[in-house]
Each structure stands twice: as structure tokens, then as C-alpha cells.
Amino acid sequence: MSKLLLIEDDHALSDLLSDYLTSQGCTVEQAFDGVAGLEQATSHHYDVILLDVMLPHLDGFEVLKRIRLTHLTPIIMLTAKGDDFDRIFGLELGADDYLPKPFNHRELLARIHAICRRVDFIKQTDQHEQLLSSSHVTLNVAARRVTVNEHVLILTGTEFSILQKLMGKIGHVVSKDVLSQHVLGRRLAPFDRSIDMHVSNLRKKIAQYNDIQCIQTIRGSGYVFLAE
């Protein structure tokens, strides 16, 4: 059973989503503004946080930034339909996924389940596959810890899963569609740049401590983690 935090200022929509998700076996706690949502998100454990962008007192982006200072809880942003800026900015700040309004409730549930499956998969990874390493990067699956030249990286769950997938196939191209299905639990849609944004964030974090670009883009194919 998933424990969710829904931060949404539209009371009617929040109640509707809460009732639906509860009927599907989830436990849902609600917050109706950014300040209250941030307090709940940082003082309690949740499996997934559903975060609206437009919130009173503290907008969703600021809530996301402050959560990411201390917590890696998976976050799905609820954005305005067709607003590319909101979606891209949210991903750059560390959101795991986004869903434009209006959306089908079943799609939201599917994305929640996909994130929870990813987390469970990481926890259940075989002991023999729990340490992945290259010349400069080491990924410990069991500890959910990544180091670059002995410096610890703070990654979101999505970034960690992407790096784990790429490092598990060092020297081999992994397609964006495979990454999307593995990390987000869905096929890559046309014009969907979510995987690109997560990889971009991952590269920036690695580059803080390593001059060599270890994740290479293979145009039209995907990404490859280079054997250094």
C-alpha cells in the first residue's frame, strides 16, 4: 500500500483525487498550500509526493527545491496543460515525473505504481549486482550511494535509476525508450524530453567532480556510459 502526499490548492480536485486513490488502496494525506505541504513533506515519510505547480504562499517549484535539499522522496509534478516551461523547469529542479492537467486518474495511478515498482526493484536487486563501478564513478545499489572520485553525489531516485541502468550496460547503448520504461514505467512519447532532462541533470552533477564526460549521447539511439 502506497502512502502519498497530495499538495493541491483546489479542494474539490484534491478531494476527488484523494477519494479515487484511496479506493485503489493508497493512503493519501492532503495539503492545500505550499507552506503546509513543505512541512508535511519534510517531517513525514511518503512513498510518492504529488505536487501542484500553482500553490498559494509558496509555489510548487520552491516547495520542490526545498524538499530536495534534504529528501529524495519521488515527486510527480502536476502542471498546466501544454506548459513546457513548467515541465522542463520541474525536471531540472529534481522532479521525477510530471503530468499535465487535465489528466486521466488511471494514468496518475499508473505513474505512481511505476515509481513504486522502481523503488522496490532497487531494494530487491541481486547482491551480485549491488556494486557498479568505472574508473571515476562507483554506484552502490544497496546503500543507494554514488561517488565520483570519492565525492558523494546527491541524486534523485530517477537519476539514480538511470545511472544504474547505464552503468549496468557500460559501453553499450541504452535507448531512451528502454530508460523511460525502466525508470518511468511508460513508453517514450513523441516530443517527451523527460529522460533528456534527467540525463542532463545527472551529467551536471557528475561534472562537479569529474572532467571526463562519461555519459555520451548517441544521436537517434540513446545514451552510453563510457568505459574509461
Foldseek 3Di string as FASTA:
>chain_A
DFEEEEEAQPVVVVVVLCVVVVVVPYHYDYHRALVVSLVDLVPDDGQEYEAEQDGPPAGRLRSLLVCLVPDQRAYEYEYAPPPPVVQLSSLLSAHLYYDYPPDDSVVVVQQSVLQNVLVVCLCPPDPVLQWFDAPFWIAGSNVRWIGGNNHTFRHHSLLSQLVSVQSVVAPDFDFPQNSCCNRRVDGDDPPDCSSVSSVVSSQVRNCVRDVDRQWDADPPGHIHGYHD
